[in-house]
Amino acid sequence: MAGLGRIAGVRPSSEPHAIPVCPVFDGEATSVIAPAYDGEVGVLPHHAPFMTLLGDGRLVVRTGDGVQQFKVRGGFLQVRDDVVRLVTEHAEEDIHAS
């Protein structure tokens, strides 16, 4: 996969637009499994362009160095030009995942 775009959480705000806090992952990935609103979706290199709403659950990012997992809630996932972009209302690394 050319690279996994930024996965960023946002903080709640009374303003009409949420403000990104910071990226939780930005780098190369060999696969991504994400919780879509209607079930899990897997993305491998050369995936067709795709967009979906996210639900609540675990995001799994496989890299050449291992696996990172994040708890995510809401937002959307886009696959385009061999890059996955994920914007979510909540994202935190799941250090207790096995």
Protein backbone atom coordinates (compact mmCIF):
# COMPACT_ATOMS: atom_id res chain seq x y z
CA MET A 1 0.00 0.00 0.00
CA ALA A 2 1.43 3.38 -0.90
CA GLY A 3 0.62 4.73 2.53
CA LEU A 4 -2.10 5.08 5.06
CA GLY A 5 -3.26 8.65 5.34
CA ARG A 6 -3.67 10.39 8.63
CA ILE A 7 -6.06 8.96 11.18
CA ALA A 8 -7.09 11.87 13.37
CA GLY A 9 -9.39 12.16 16.34
CA VAL A 10 -11.33 15.35 16.98
CA ARG A 11 -12.32 16.98 20.21
CA PRO A 12 -15.94 17.87 20.97
CA SER A 13 -16.77 21.51 20.38
CA SER A 14 -19.78 23.78 20.63
CA GLU A 15 -18.67 25.23 17.29
CA PRO A 16 -20.36 23.90 14.14
CA HIS A 17 -17.06 22.35 12.94
CA ALA A 18 -14.93 19.93 14.94
CA ILE A 19 -11.27 20.76 15.39
CA PRO A 20 -8.70 18.02 14.62
CA VAL A 21 -6.52 17.18 17.59
CA CYS A 22 -3.68 15.29 15.94
CA PRO A 23 -2.95 12.34 13.68
CA VAL A 24 -2.71 9.01 15.50
CA PHE A 25 -1.10 7.20 12.54
CA ASP A 26 0.56 8.35 9.32
CA GLY A 27 2.66 5.85 7.40
CA GLU A 28 2.96 2.78 5.22
CA ALA A 29 0.53 -0.09 5.77
CA THR A 30 0.07 -3.54 4.23
CA SER A 31 -3.61 -3.80 5.23
CA VAL A 32 -6.31 -1.97 7.14
CA ILE A 33 -9.45 -3.36 8.81
CA ALA A 34 -11.98 -0.76 9.88
CA PRO A 35 -15.43 -0.80 11.53
CA ALA A 36 -17.86 0.50 8.90
CA TYR A 37 -21.36 1.42 10.05
CA ASP A 38 -22.71 -1.87 8.62
CA GLY A 39 -19.81 -4.25 9.37
CA GLU A 40 -16.05 -4.54 9.00
CA VAL A 41 -14.24 -3.52 5.83
CA GLY A 42 -10.78 -4.70 4.82
CA VAL A 43 -8.43 -2.77 2.56
CA LEU A 44 -5.42 -4.28 0.78
CA PRO A 45 -3.03 -2.69 -1.73
CA HIS A 46 -4.64 -1.64 -5.04
CA HIS A 47 -8.16 -1.54 -3.56
CA ALA A 48 -10.78 0.10 -5.77
CA PRO A 49 -11.83 3.65 -4.81
CA PHE A 50 -14.24 3.41 -1.90
CA MET A 51 -15.88 5.51 0.79
CA THR A 52 -17.92 4.49 3.83
CA LEU A 53 -19.23 5.82 7.11
CA LEU A 54 -17.55 4.47 10.23
CA GLY A 55 -19.22 2.91 13.22
CA ASP A 56 -17.75 2.13 16.62
CA GLY A 57 -15.04 -0.48 16.94
CA ARG A 58 -11.43 -1.44 16.42
CA LEU A 59 -9.26 -0.20 13.58
CA VAL A 60 -6.42 -2.60 12.76
CA VAL A 61 -3.41 -1.31 10.81
CA ARG A 62 -0.87 -3.90 9.68
CA THR A 63 2.58 -2.63 8.77
CA GLY A 64 5.89 -4.25 7.94
CA ASP A 65 6.81 -3.80 11.63
CA GLY A 66 3.69 -5.35 13.16
CA VAL A 67 0.14 -4.39 14.03
CA GLN A 68 -1.31 -1.26 15.59
CA GLN A 69 -4.89 -1.13 16.85
CA PHE A 70 -7.07 1.86 17.64
CA LYS A 71 -10.52 2.35 19.13
CA VAL A 72 -12.52 4.56 16.76
CA ARG A 73 -16.02 6.00 16.83
CA GLY A 74 -17.87 7.66 13.96
CA GLY A 75 -16.49 9.48 10.93
CA PHE A 76 -15.62 8.19 7.48
CA LEU A 77 -13.04 6.14 5.58
CA GLN A 78 -11.91 6.85 2.03
CA VAL A 79 -9.72 4.72 -0.26
CA ARG A 80 -8.28 6.53 -3.28
CA ASP A 81 -5.06 6.16 -5.27
CA ASP A 82 -3.81 3.37 -2.98
CA VAL A 83 -4.14 5.62 0.11
CA VAL A 84 -6.55 5.15 3.01
CA ARG A 85 -7.80 8.31 4.74
CA LEU A 86 -9.79 8.01 7.90
CA VAL A 87 -11.36 10.90 9.80
CA THR A 88 -13.08 10.00 13.03
CA GLU A 89 -14.82 11.68 15.94
CA HIS A 90 -12.74 9.63 18.38
CA ALA A 91 -9.47 7.71 17.98
CA GLU A 92 -7.13 6.31 20.59
CA GLU A 93 -4.50 3.60 20.45
CA ASP A 94 -5.78 0.34 21.91
CA ILE A 95 -2.78 -0.77 23.95
CA HIS A 96 -4.72 -3.66 25.53
CA ALA A 97 -5.58 -5.33 22.19
CA SER A 98 -3.99 -8.66 21.48
